[in-house]
Amino acid sequence: MSAFIEWLNSIIWSSALVYLCLGAGLYFTIRSRAVQIRQIKAIFTQMFRGKSSNEGVSSFQALSISLAGRVGVGNIAGVATAIGFGGPGAVVWMWISALLGASTSFVESTLGQIYKQQDPKTGEYRGGPAFFIEKAYRHTKAKGLFKVYGMVFAFVTVMAMSFMLPGIQSNAISGAMSNAWNLPTWITALGLAVILGFIIIGGVKRIAHFASLAVPFMAIVYIIAAILVTLFNADQIIPVIELIFTSAFGIDAGPEAAFGGILGMAVQWGVQRGIYSNEAGQGTGPHAAAAAEVSHPAKQGLVQAGSVYIDTLFVCSATAFMILSTGMYKVFGEDGTTVIGSGRGQLAEEIAATPGETWPQAGLDTLISGFGASFIAISIFLFALTTIVAYYYMAETNLVYLLGRFKNPLVMVIGERLLQLLILIAVAVGAIQASGSAWALGDVGVGLMAWLNIIAILILQQPAFKILRDFERQTKEGLDPVFDPKALEIRNADFWTHRLESLKSGAVRKG
């Protein structure tokens, strides 16, 4: 089974997907006239505007749910893996994938807002790729094809988020805690199951509240620690920057000449781990975006573009500089031999052998001896737990989409309970299994979602750009943008059509 998963992963994550992700990001950047750069002020101001309602969460809470999914083990162990197999230059390609991916995130998240709907049972907003894939072309002859496409995406997402991906996060938690405190993996597995069960049974409101408290705290503390480590090794900042860029483009310069032979690996690992971390194009962002209470879809589209920056340019970069400035890394060739060793000092063989959370742990130990293992263990616990919670929310949303066509409410209740049981089992099993198989299975899930979602938004992109032009026009006129689907000739945005009609009829009654 392990060999089959590795083979499937190599097919899904061939160079074709890497180029598709970069190409889609470049295309959306050009078509939007670099919205992720032009609207940088709006991106960060919109994060703190808008309030929650009985049906939707605030923009900041939606951002926190999204970041809960984005900021996880990929920001710590994933960065180390990218450096280990792609060289320090993989960091540049993570940055490039984030810059281009921010435009992709804007498009997919705006579509998520346009075609969201209310959960008939709870009244909460639901949305995501499965919803907009089916709804966008519901008025065309191809509606049956898009309906099937939406169902396929929903099924893949349920499986990825409840079975394939949670194990990576719980495995990293148990590994970090075992390394720091010699805690048996079965105890970690049991504790995670209990904590997770309490959170996810509370629904989207409890998930949003938990994420809005945990995510900002953990990200800020982690970045501060990384900055302190980097400043402690300030003499290495310039050499590290030079190392990153010479490695990224295969420039033969001094001892970094060895990196010329692994340029392709730098691109592949940088983009692959970048997408795994920031999730741009993967189709996860639209789920959180759809939950937000906003007056115009572009507002949350911009917020989700900003979440890509926060994840990669801040958190991933913090890990990279912490590892590289302390010299706690080695780069491995395809045959497993060391291409280049640590630039400063030598890692203990058991730490150097496999890239992962032990590298930033060793980096932190240069600041305070013995501090790294405990700090990284706590960081990974918070990062990974919030990610698993976000995974459940996305899995549940797609389950609602799949089972919503059944009229019997008992079907939905049984489905949700089975989903909760599945993710709890996946978390517990992931905590005690070998890390290699967990990562390979997770990469398969991420890759399948990315293929399906990017192709879908390339087909369905037009409404997102109508929305962007409308937002910019209203903003230029000094208005607080409000979305009117009829004025923009956007069909099947049922939620927004009914909302606008309700507001108009309410204004008439009051008048």
Protein backbone atom coordinates (compact mmCIF):
# COMPACT_ATOMS: atom_id res chain seq x y z
CA MET A 1 0.00 0.00 0.00
CA SER A 2 2.82 2.39 0.88
CA ALA A 3 4.48 1.81 -2.51
CA PHE A 4 1.16 2.45 -4.29
CA ILE A 5 0.62 5.73 -2.40
CA GLU A 6 4.14 6.86 -3.30
CA TRP A 7 3.52 5.99 -6.97
CA LEU A 8 0.17 7.79 -7.02
CA ASN A 9 1.74 10.81 -5.36
CA SER A 10 4.45 10.97 -8.03
CA ILE A 11 1.78 10.95 -10.76
CA ILE A 12 -0.42 13.59 -9.17
CA TRP A 13 2.53 15.79 -8.19
CA SER A 14 4.28 15.60 -11.54
CA SER A 15 5.76 18.77 -13.04
CA ALA A 16 2.40 19.30 -14.78
CA LEU A 17 0.69 20.26 -11.50
CA VAL A 18 3.60 22.51 -10.50
CA TYR A 19 3.35 24.39 -13.80
CA LEU A 20 -0.45 24.48 -13.59
CA CYS A 21 -0.32 26.15 -10.17
CA LEU A 22 2.31 28.69 -11.21
CA GLY A 23 0.70 29.26 -14.60
CA ALA A 24 -2.77 29.84 -13.14
CA GLY A 25 -1.35 32.26 -10.58
CA LEU A 26 0.54 34.16 -13.28
CA TYR A 27 -2.55 34.29 -15.52
CA PHE A 28 -4.84 35.55 -12.74
CA THR A 29 -2.19 38.09 -11.72
CA ILE A 30 -2.07 39.49 -15.27
CA ARG A 31 -5.84 39.45 -15.77
CA SER A 32 -6.53 41.13 -12.42
CA ARG A 33 -3.75 43.64 -13.04
CA ALA A 34 -1.94 42.29 -9.98
CA VAL A 35 -4.86 42.75 -7.59
CA GLN A 36 -2.76 41.21 -4.81
CA ILE A 37 -0.32 44.13 -5.12
CA ARG A 38 -2.57 47.00 -6.23
CA GLN A 39 -5.09 46.37 -3.46
CA ILE A 40 -2.57 45.64 -0.72
CA LYS A 41 -4.04 48.35 1.53
CA ALA A 42 -7.58 47.03 1.10
CA ILE A 43 -6.37 43.48 1.71
CA PHE A 44 -5.24 44.30 5.23
CA THR A 45 -7.94 46.86 6.12
CA GLN A 46 -10.78 44.53 5.10
CA MET A 47 -9.48 41.91 7.54
CA PHE A 48 -10.76 43.95 10.47
CA ARG A 49 -14.01 45.25 9.00
CA GLY A 50 -17.40 43.65 9.11
CA LYS A 51 -19.20 42.02 12.02
CA SER A 52 -20.57 38.57 12.55
CA SER A 53 -24.27 37.80 12.41
CA ASN A 54 -26.52 34.91 13.38
CA GLU A 55 -25.82 33.38 9.97
CA GLY A 56 -22.22 34.38 9.21
CA VAL A 57 -18.91 35.03 10.91
CA SER A 58 -16.91 38.26 10.73
CA SER A 59 -14.20 38.82 8.11
CA PHE A 60 -11.55 38.35 10.78
CA GLN A 61 -13.13 35.11 12.00
CA ALA A 62 -13.32 33.83 8.42
CA LEU A 63 -9.67 34.80 7.99
CA SER A 64 -8.84 32.91 11.19
CA ILE A 65 -10.66 29.78 9.98
CA SER A 66 -8.76 30.02 6.72
CA LEU A 67 -5.42 30.59 8.47
CA ALA A 68 -6.21 27.70 10.81
CA GLY A 69 -6.19 25.49 7.71
CA ARG A 70 -3.20 27.18 6.09
CA VAL A 71 -0.92 27.61 9.10
CA GLY A 72 -0.04 24.10 10.17
CA VAL A 73 2.74 21.57 10.11
CA GLY A 74 3.64 22.68 6.60
CA ASN A 75 4.93 25.94 8.06
CA ILE A 76 7.42 24.10 10.28
CA ALA A 77 8.17 20.54 9.15
CA GLY A 78 7.10 21.30 5.56
CA VAL A 79 9.59 24.15 5.21
CA ALA A 80 12.37 21.94 6.57
CA THR A 81 11.43 19.23 4.07
CA ALA A 82 11.49 21.73 1.20
CA ILE A 83 14.96 22.90 2.21
CA GLY A 84 16.20 19.35 2.76
CA PHE A 85 15.22 18.08 -0.69
CA GLY A 86 15.06 21.29 -2.74
CA GLY A 87 17.85 23.30 -1.13
CA PRO A 88 17.56 26.77 0.44
CA GLY A 89 16.36 28.05 -2.94
CA ALA A 90 13.06 26.26 -2.40
CA VAL A 91 12.20 29.18 -0.09
CA VAL A 92 12.22 31.61 -3.04
CA TRP A 93 9.85 29.37 -4.95
CA MET A 94 7.59 29.23 -1.90
CA TRP A 95 7.56 33.05 -1.99
CA ILE A 96 6.85 33.10 -5.73
CA SER A 97 4.03 30.58 -5.35
CA ALA A 98 2.56 32.75 -2.59
CA LEU A 99 2.79 35.99 -4.59
CA LEU A 100 1.14 34.42 -7.63
CA GLY A 101 -1.14 32.24 -5.52
CA ALA A 102 -2.63 35.28 -3.77
CA SER A 103 -4.39 36.18 -7.03
CA THR A 104 -5.63 32.59 -7.37
CA SER A 105 -6.90 32.75 -3.80
CA PHE A 106 -8.76 35.97 -4.59
CA VAL A 107 -10.54 34.36 -7.55
CA GLU A 108 -11.53 31.12 -5.82
CA SER A 109 -12.60 32.83 -2.58
CA THR A 110 -14.65 35.47 -4.39
CA LEU A 111 -16.44 32.69 -6.28
CA GLY A 112 -17.07 31.01 -2.93
CA GLN A 113 -18.80 34.15 -1.66
CA ILE A 114 -20.84 34.72 -4.84
CA TYR A 115 -22.40 31.27 -4.83
CA LYS A 116 -22.74 30.62 -1.11
CA GLN A 117 -26.01 29.48 0.44
CA GLN A 118 -27.58 29.07 3.86
CA ASP A 119 -27.60 25.74 5.61
CA PRO A 120 -31.30 24.74 5.77
CA LYS A 121 -30.81 23.23 9.24
CA THR A 122 -28.70 25.87 11.01
CA GLY A 123 -29.07 28.93 8.77
CA GLU A 124 -25.27 29.30 8.66
CA TYR A 125 -23.55 30.25 5.43
CA ARG A 126 -22.01 27.42 3.45
CA GLY A 127 -20.00 27.49 0.24
CA GLY A 128 -16.91 26.30 -1.57
CA PRO A 129 -15.80 24.91 -4.93
CA ALA A 130 -18.44 22.17 -5.03
CA PHE A 131 -21.16 24.82 -4.63
CA PHE A 132 -19.84 27.26 -7.24
CA ILE A 133 -18.92 24.51 -9.72
CA GLU A 134 -22.56 23.33 -9.78
CA LYS A 135 -24.25 26.74 -9.49
CA ALA A 136 -22.25 28.88 -11.92
CA TYR A 137 -23.44 26.99 -15.01
CA ARG A 138 -26.79 25.76 -13.72
CA HIS A 139 -28.59 27.64 -16.52
CA THR A 140 -26.61 25.99 -19.34
CA LYS A 141 -26.92 22.70 -21.23
CA ALA A 142 -23.77 21.51 -19.47
CA LYS A 143 -25.36 21.78 -16.02
CA GLY A 144 -25.39 17.99 -15.57
CA LEU A 145 -21.66 17.79 -16.23
CA PHE A 146 -20.87 20.57 -13.76
CA LYS A 147 -23.14 18.97 -11.16
CA VAL A 148 -21.15 15.73 -11.41
CA TYR A 149 -17.91 17.74 -11.30
CA GLY A 150 -19.07 19.44 -8.11
CA MET A 151 -19.97 16.13 -6.52
CA VAL A 152 -16.57 14.66 -7.42
CA PHE A 153 -14.79 17.63 -5.84
CA ALA A 154 -16.97 17.37 -2.73
CA PHE A 155 -16.26 13.64 -2.36
CA VAL A 156 -12.51 14.12 -2.81
CA THR A 157 -12.54 16.96 -0.27
CA VAL A 158 -14.45 14.95 2.32
CA MET A 159 -11.95 12.10 1.97
CA ALA A 160 -8.90 14.39 1.93
CA MET A 161 -9.99 16.50 4.90
CA SER A 162 -11.32 13.71 7.09
CA PHE A 163 -9.00 10.82 6.21
CA MET A 164 -5.91 11.75 4.15
CA LEU A 165 -4.69 15.03 5.68
CA PRO A 166 -5.42 14.98 9.46
CA GLY A 167 -2.84 12.23 10.02
CA ILE A 168 0.01 14.56 8.95
CA GLN A 169 -0.95 17.08 11.59
CA SER A 170 -1.49 14.60 14.44
CA ASN A 171 1.67 12.70 13.49
CA ALA A 172 3.71 15.89 13.78
CA ILE A 173 2.14 16.66 17.16
CA SER A 174 2.94 13.23 18.57
CA GLY A 175 6.46 13.30 17.10
CA ALA A 176 7.23 16.73 18.54
CA MET A 177 5.84 15.82 21.97
CA SER A 178 7.72 12.54 22.01
CA ASN A 179 10.94 14.34 21.12
CA ALA A 180 10.39 17.08 23.69
CA TRP A 181 8.95 15.18 26.64
CA ASN A 182 9.14 11.46 25.73
CA LEU A 183 5.34 11.38 25.77
CA PRO A 184 3.98 8.05 24.43
CA THR A 185 2.20 8.50 21.12
CA TRP A 186 -0.94 6.73 22.33
CA ILE A 187 -1.43 9.35 25.06
CA THR A 188 -1.12 12.14 22.48
CA ALA A 189 -3.59 10.33 20.22
CA LEU A 190 -6.15 10.01 23.02
CA GLY A 191 -5.76 13.62 24.16
CA LEU A 192 -6.13 14.97 20.61
CA ALA A 193 -9.29 12.96 20.03
CA VAL A 194 -10.92 14.32 23.20
CA ILE A 195 -10.00 17.97 22.52
CA LEU A 196 -10.97 17.80 18.85
CA GLY A 197 -14.28 16.13 19.62
CA PHE A 198 -15.25 18.94 22.00
CA ILE A 199 -14.48 21.63 19.41
CA ILE A 200 -16.03 20.16 16.26
CA ILE A 201 -19.31 19.10 17.87
CA GLY A 202 -19.92 22.79 18.67
CA GLY A 203 -20.40 23.73 14.99
CA VAL A 204 -19.00 26.57 12.90
CA LYS A 205 -19.50 29.25 15.57
CA ARG A 206 -17.36 27.41 18.12
CA ILE A 207 -14.80 26.63 15.39
CA ALA A 208 -14.64 30.31 14.39
CA HIS A 209 -14.33 31.46 18.00
CA PHE A 210 -11.57 28.96 18.72
CA ALA A 211 -9.67 29.87 15.55
CA SER A 212 -9.94 33.65 16.10
CA LEU A 213 -8.33 33.25 19.53
CA ALA A 214 -5.71 30.58 18.83
CA VAL A 215 -4.43 31.49 15.35
CA PRO A 216 -3.28 35.11 15.92
CA PHE A 217 -1.68 34.20 19.25
CA MET A 218 0.29 31.24 17.95
CA ALA A 219 1.44 32.96 14.76
CA ILE A 220 2.68 36.10 16.53
CA VAL A 221 4.55 34.22 19.26
CA TYR A 222 6.17 31.89 16.73
CA ILE A 223 7.29 34.74 14.44
CA ILE A 224 8.75 36.67 17.40
CA ALA A 225 10.75 33.61 18.47
CA ALA A 226 12.07 33.14 14.93
CA ILE A 227 13.06 36.81 14.70
CA LEU A 228 14.96 36.53 18.00
CA VAL A 229 16.86 33.48 16.75
CA THR A 230 17.71 35.21 13.48
CA LEU A 231 18.86 38.38 15.26
CA PHE A 232 20.97 36.26 17.62
CA ASN A 233 22.70 35.06 14.45
CA ALA A 234 22.62 38.48 12.76
CA ASP A 235 25.98 37.98 11.08
CA GLN A 236 24.36 35.23 8.99
CA ILE A 237 21.41 37.24 7.64
CA ILE A 238 23.16 38.53 4.49
CA PRO A 239 24.88 35.18 3.75
CA VAL A 240 21.52 33.40 4.18
CA ILE A 241 19.78 35.73 1.73
CA GLU A 242 22.60 35.19 -0.79
CA LEU A 243 22.40 31.43 -0.23
CA ILE A 244 18.62 31.39 -0.79
CA PHE A 245 18.81 33.22 -4.12
CA THR A 246 21.90 31.49 -5.53
CA SER A 247 20.29 28.14 -4.72
CA ALA A 248 16.91 29.17 -6.13
CA PHE A 249 18.25 29.88 -9.61
CA GLY A 250 21.09 27.38 -9.74
CA ILE A 251 23.77 30.07 -9.73
CA ASP A 252 27.20 28.48 -9.44
CA ALA A 253 28.86 30.60 -6.78
CA GLY A 254 31.50 29.23 -4.46
CA PRO A 255 30.37 26.41 -2.19
CA GLU A 256 26.81 26.81 -3.46
CA ALA A 257 27.82 25.45 -6.89
CA ALA A 258 26.38 22.10 -5.83
CA PHE A 259 22.89 23.62 -5.94
CA GLY A 260 23.06 24.04 -9.71
CA GLY A 261 22.25 20.38 -10.13
CA ILE A 262 19.05 20.47 -8.08
CA LEU A 263 17.40 23.58 -9.57
CA GLY A 264 14.38 21.56 -10.71
CA MET A 265 14.02 20.10 -7.23
CA ALA A 266 14.07 23.60 -5.73
CA VAL A 267 11.15 24.61 -7.95
CA GLN A 268 9.19 21.41 -7.36
CA TRP A 269 9.66 21.25 -3.59
CA GLY A 270 9.21 25.00 -3.16
CA VAL A 271 5.92 25.07 -5.09
CA GLN A 272 4.66 21.77 -3.65
CA ARG A 273 5.33 22.71 -0.04
CA GLY A 274 4.21 26.29 -0.75
CA ILE A 275 0.83 25.07 -1.98
CA TYR A 276 0.56 22.59 0.87
CA SER A 277 1.20 25.42 3.31
CA ASN A 278 -0.65 28.43 1.84
CA GLU A 279 -3.28 26.28 0.02
CA ALA A 280 -3.71 28.83 -2.82
CA GLY A 281 -5.61 27.06 -5.58
CA GLN A 282 -6.28 24.00 -3.46
CA GLY A 283 -9.90 24.98 -2.93
CA THR A 284 -9.84 25.29 0.85
CA GLY A 285 -10.01 29.10 1.08
CA PRO A 286 -13.48 29.39 -0.51
CA HIS A 287 -15.03 27.37 2.33
CA ALA A 288 -13.97 29.89 4.97
CA ALA A 289 -14.63 32.83 2.65
CA ALA A 290 -18.23 31.74 2.12
CA ALA A 291 -18.89 31.74 5.87
CA ALA A 292 -18.20 35.48 6.19
CA GLU A 293 -20.87 38.16 6.62
CA VAL A 294 -19.92 40.84 4.08
CA SER A 295 -21.77 43.24 1.76
CA HIS A 296 -19.67 42.44 -1.30
CA PRO A 297 -17.87 39.19 -2.29
CA ALA A 298 -14.65 40.98 -3.26
CA LYS A 299 -14.13 42.04 0.36
CA GLN A 300 -13.59 38.49 1.51
CA GLY A 301 -11.74 37.61 -1.68
CA LEU A 302 -9.16 40.25 -0.78
CA VAL A 303 -8.96 39.04 2.81
CA GLN A 304 -8.23 35.49 1.65
CA ALA A 305 -5.53 36.78 -0.71
CA GLY A 306 -3.92 38.33 2.36
CA SER A 307 -4.06 35.05 4.25
CA VAL A 308 -1.65 33.58 1.67
CA TYR A 309 0.83 36.36 2.46
CA ILE A 310 0.52 35.82 6.21
CA ASP A 311 1.04 32.09 5.87
CA THR A 312 4.03 32.03 3.52
CA LEU A 313 5.78 35.40 3.64
CA PHE A 314 5.59 35.62 7.43
CA VAL A 315 5.28 32.20 9.09
CA CYS A 316 7.11 30.03 6.52
CA SER A 317 9.85 32.64 6.14
CA ALA A 318 10.28 32.70 9.91
CA THR A 319 10.95 28.96 9.92
CA ALA A 320 13.32 29.18 6.95
CA PHE A 321 15.46 31.93 8.47
CA MET A 322 15.50 30.15 11.82
CA ILE A 323 16.86 26.99 10.17
CA LEU A 324 19.27 28.63 7.73
CA SER A 325 20.70 31.34 9.97
CA THR A 326 21.66 28.74 12.56
CA GLY A 327 23.02 26.32 9.94
CA MET A 328 20.71 23.56 11.13
CA TYR A 329 20.09 21.91 7.78
CA LYS A 330 21.41 19.53 5.18
CA VAL A 331 20.42 19.20 1.54
CA PHE A 332 19.91 15.74 0.09
CA GLY A 333 20.13 14.63 -3.52
CA GLU A 334 17.67 12.30 -5.24
CA ASP A 335 19.85 9.32 -4.31
CA GLY A 336 19.76 10.29 -0.62
CA THR A 337 23.35 11.47 -0.43
CA THR A 338 24.17 14.86 1.07
CA VAL A 339 24.57 17.57 -1.57
CA ILE A 340 25.76 20.13 0.93
CA GLY A 341 25.93 20.05 4.71
CA SER A 342 25.32 22.58 7.42
CA GLY A 343 26.95 25.94 6.88
CA ARG A 344 27.70 26.37 10.59
CA GLY A 345 28.56 23.52 12.87
CA GLN A 346 27.29 19.99 12.47
CA LEU A 347 23.92 18.57 13.37
CA ALA A 348 23.71 15.41 15.37
CA GLU A 349 23.22 12.56 12.91
CA GLU A 350 19.80 11.60 14.27
CA ILE A 351 18.60 15.18 13.71
CA ALA A 352 20.23 15.65 10.31
CA ALA A 353 19.08 12.34 8.90
CA THR A 354 15.48 13.39 8.19
CA PRO A 355 14.29 16.97 7.57
CA GLY A 356 11.39 17.93 9.80
CA GLU A 357 10.45 19.71 12.99
CA THR A 358 13.77 18.73 14.61
CA TRP A 359 15.60 21.29 12.43
CA PRO A 360 13.85 24.40 13.78
CA GLN A 361 14.02 22.80 17.24
CA ALA A 362 17.80 22.65 16.89
CA GLY A 363 17.81 26.23 15.60
CA LEU A 364 15.92 27.46 18.65
CA ASP A 365 18.33 25.64 20.92
CA THR A 366 21.07 28.01 19.74
CA LEU A 367 19.13 30.77 21.51
CA ILE A 368 18.48 28.93 24.78
CA SER A 369 19.81 25.43 25.18
CA GLY A 370 17.00 22.92 25.67
CA PHE A 371 14.32 25.48 24.77
CA GLY A 372 13.75 24.44 21.15
CA ALA A 373 12.10 21.07 21.61
CA SER A 374 9.45 22.31 24.05
CA PHE A 375 8.68 25.50 22.12
CA ILE A 376 8.33 23.70 18.78
CA ALA A 377 6.21 20.98 20.41
CA ILE A 378 3.79 23.60 21.75
CA SER A 379 3.82 25.51 18.44
CA ILE A 380 3.12 22.39 16.42
CA PHE A 381 0.34 21.40 18.82
CA LEU A 382 -1.43 24.74 18.31
CA PHE A 383 -0.69 24.99 14.58
CA ALA A 384 -1.74 21.42 13.84
CA LEU A 385 -4.80 21.36 16.12
CA THR A 386 -6.29 24.47 14.51
CA THR A 387 -5.56 22.96 11.10
CA ILE A 388 -7.40 19.75 11.94
CA VAL A 389 -10.37 21.80 13.17
CA ALA A 390 -10.40 23.69 9.86
CA TYR A 391 -10.17 20.38 7.99
CA TYR A 392 -13.28 19.15 9.77
CA TYR A 393 -15.18 22.32 8.92
CA MET A 394 -14.36 21.92 5.22
CA ALA A 395 -15.19 18.21 5.26
CA GLU A 396 -18.53 18.94 6.93
CA THR A 397 -19.35 21.68 4.42
CA ASN A 398 -18.82 19.30 1.51
CA LEU A 399 -20.77 16.57 3.27
CA VAL A 400 -23.67 19.03 3.61
CA TYR A 401 -23.39 19.66 -0.13
CA LEU A 402 -23.47 15.94 -0.93
CA LEU A 403 -26.25 14.97 1.48
CA GLY A 404 -28.30 18.14 1.08
CA ARG A 405 -30.19 16.59 -1.80
CA PHE A 406 -31.72 14.02 0.59
CA LYS A 407 -34.93 15.26 2.17
CA ASN A 408 -34.70 13.07 5.28
CA PRO A 409 -32.87 15.08 8.00
CA LEU A 410 -31.83 11.82 9.68
CA VAL A 411 -29.48 11.15 6.74
CA MET A 412 -27.60 14.37 7.49
CA VAL A 413 -27.36 13.65 11.21
CA ILE A 414 -25.99 10.14 10.62
CA GLY A 415 -23.59 11.47 7.98
CA GLU A 416 -22.19 14.14 10.29
CA ARG A 417 -21.70 11.68 13.15
CA LEU A 418 -19.89 9.24 10.86
CA LEU A 419 -17.70 12.09 9.58
CA GLN A 420 -16.81 13.10 13.13
CA LEU A 421 -15.94 9.50 13.95
CA LEU A 422 -13.80 9.16 10.81
CA ILE A 423 -11.71 12.25 11.47
CA LEU A 424 -11.20 11.30 15.12
CA ILE A 425 -9.98 7.85 14.04
CA ALA A 426 -7.72 9.38 11.36
CA VAL A 427 -6.19 11.73 13.94
CA ALA A 428 -5.60 8.93 16.43
CA VAL A 429 -4.10 6.56 13.84
CA GLY A 430 -1.98 9.35 12.36
CA ALA A 431 -0.49 10.11 15.76
CA ILE A 432 0.96 6.61 16.09
CA GLN A 433 1.96 5.74 12.50
CA ALA A 434 5.23 6.38 10.61
CA SER A 435 5.59 9.94 9.34
CA GLY A 436 6.59 9.07 5.76
CA SER A 437 3.30 7.38 4.86
CA ALA A 438 1.33 10.21 6.48
CA TRP A 439 2.98 12.87 4.30
CA ALA A 440 2.59 10.87 1.09
CA LEU A 441 -1.12 10.29 1.71
CA GLY A 442 -1.61 13.96 2.55
CA ASP A 443 0.15 15.06 -0.63
CA VAL A 444 -2.22 12.89 -2.67
CA GLY A 445 -5.21 14.62 -1.08
CA VAL A 446 -3.79 18.12 -1.61
CA GLY A 447 -2.84 17.33 -5.20
CA LEU A 448 -6.24 15.91 -6.18
CA MET A 449 -8.04 18.94 -4.77
CA ALA A 450 -5.63 21.32 -6.51
CA TRP A 451 -6.11 19.66 -9.92
CA LEU A 452 -9.92 19.72 -9.65
CA ASN A 453 -10.15 23.25 -8.21
CA ILE A 454 -7.69 25.06 -10.49
CA ILE A 455 -9.26 23.61 -13.64
CA ALA A 456 -12.68 24.64 -12.29
CA ILE A 457 -11.77 28.26 -11.52
CA LEU A 458 -10.03 28.63 -14.89
CA ILE A 459 -13.37 27.70 -16.45
CA LEU A 460 -15.58 29.71 -14.04
CA GLN A 461 -13.39 32.79 -13.53
CA GLN A 462 -15.50 35.45 -15.27
CA PRO A 463 -17.82 36.37 -12.35
CA ALA A 464 -14.83 36.98 -10.06
CA PHE A 465 -13.42 39.63 -12.38
CA LYS A 466 -16.82 41.29 -12.79
CA ILE A 467 -16.95 41.46 -9.02
CA LEU A 468 -13.45 42.96 -8.81
CA ARG A 469 -14.26 45.72 -11.33
CA ASP A 470 -17.52 46.48 -9.52
CA PHE A 471 -15.75 46.66 -6.15
CA GLU A 472 -13.09 49.00 -7.48
CA ARG A 473 -15.70 51.21 -9.19
CA GLN A 474 -17.79 51.58 -6.03
CA THR A 475 -14.70 52.17 -3.89
CA LYS A 476 -13.50 54.88 -6.28
CA GLU A 477 -16.90 56.58 -5.94
CA GLY A 478 -16.46 56.64 -2.15
CA LEU A 479 -19.13 54.00 -1.50
CA ASP A 480 -19.11 50.99 0.80
CA PRO A 481 -19.45 48.35 -1.96
CA VAL A 482 -22.70 46.38 -2.10
CA PHE A 483 -23.18 43.45 -4.47
CA ASP A 484 -26.11 43.39 -6.88
CA PRO A 485 -25.92 40.24 -9.06
CA LYS A 486 -28.58 41.45 -11.51
CA ALA A 487 -26.70 44.68 -12.22
CA LEU A 488 -23.59 42.67 -13.06
CA GLU A 489 -25.56 40.00 -14.97
CA ILE A 490 -24.28 37.22 -12.72
CA ARG A 491 -26.74 34.34 -12.71
CA ASN A 492 -27.54 31.84 -9.98
CA ALA A 493 -26.19 33.96 -7.10
CA ASP A 494 -29.42 33.04 -5.31
CA PHE A 495 -28.39 34.08 -1.81
CA TRP A 496 -27.44 37.60 -2.91
CA THR A 497 -30.56 38.02 -5.07
CA HIS A 498 -32.86 37.08 -2.17
CA ARG A 499 -30.87 39.23 0.24
CA LEU A 500 -31.11 42.31 -1.98
CA GLU A 501 -34.85 41.77 -2.49
CA SER A 502 -35.34 41.44 1.28
CA LEU A 503 -33.42 44.66 1.93
CA LYS A 504 -35.45 46.54 -0.69
CA SER A 505 -38.80 45.25 0.57
CA GLY A 506 -37.75 46.10 4.13
CA ALA A 507 -36.86 49.65 3.05
CA VAL A 508 -40.23 50.02 1.34
CA ARG A 509 -42.12 48.83 4.44
CA LYS A 510 -40.15 51.19 6.66
CA GLY A 511 -40.80 54.07 4.28
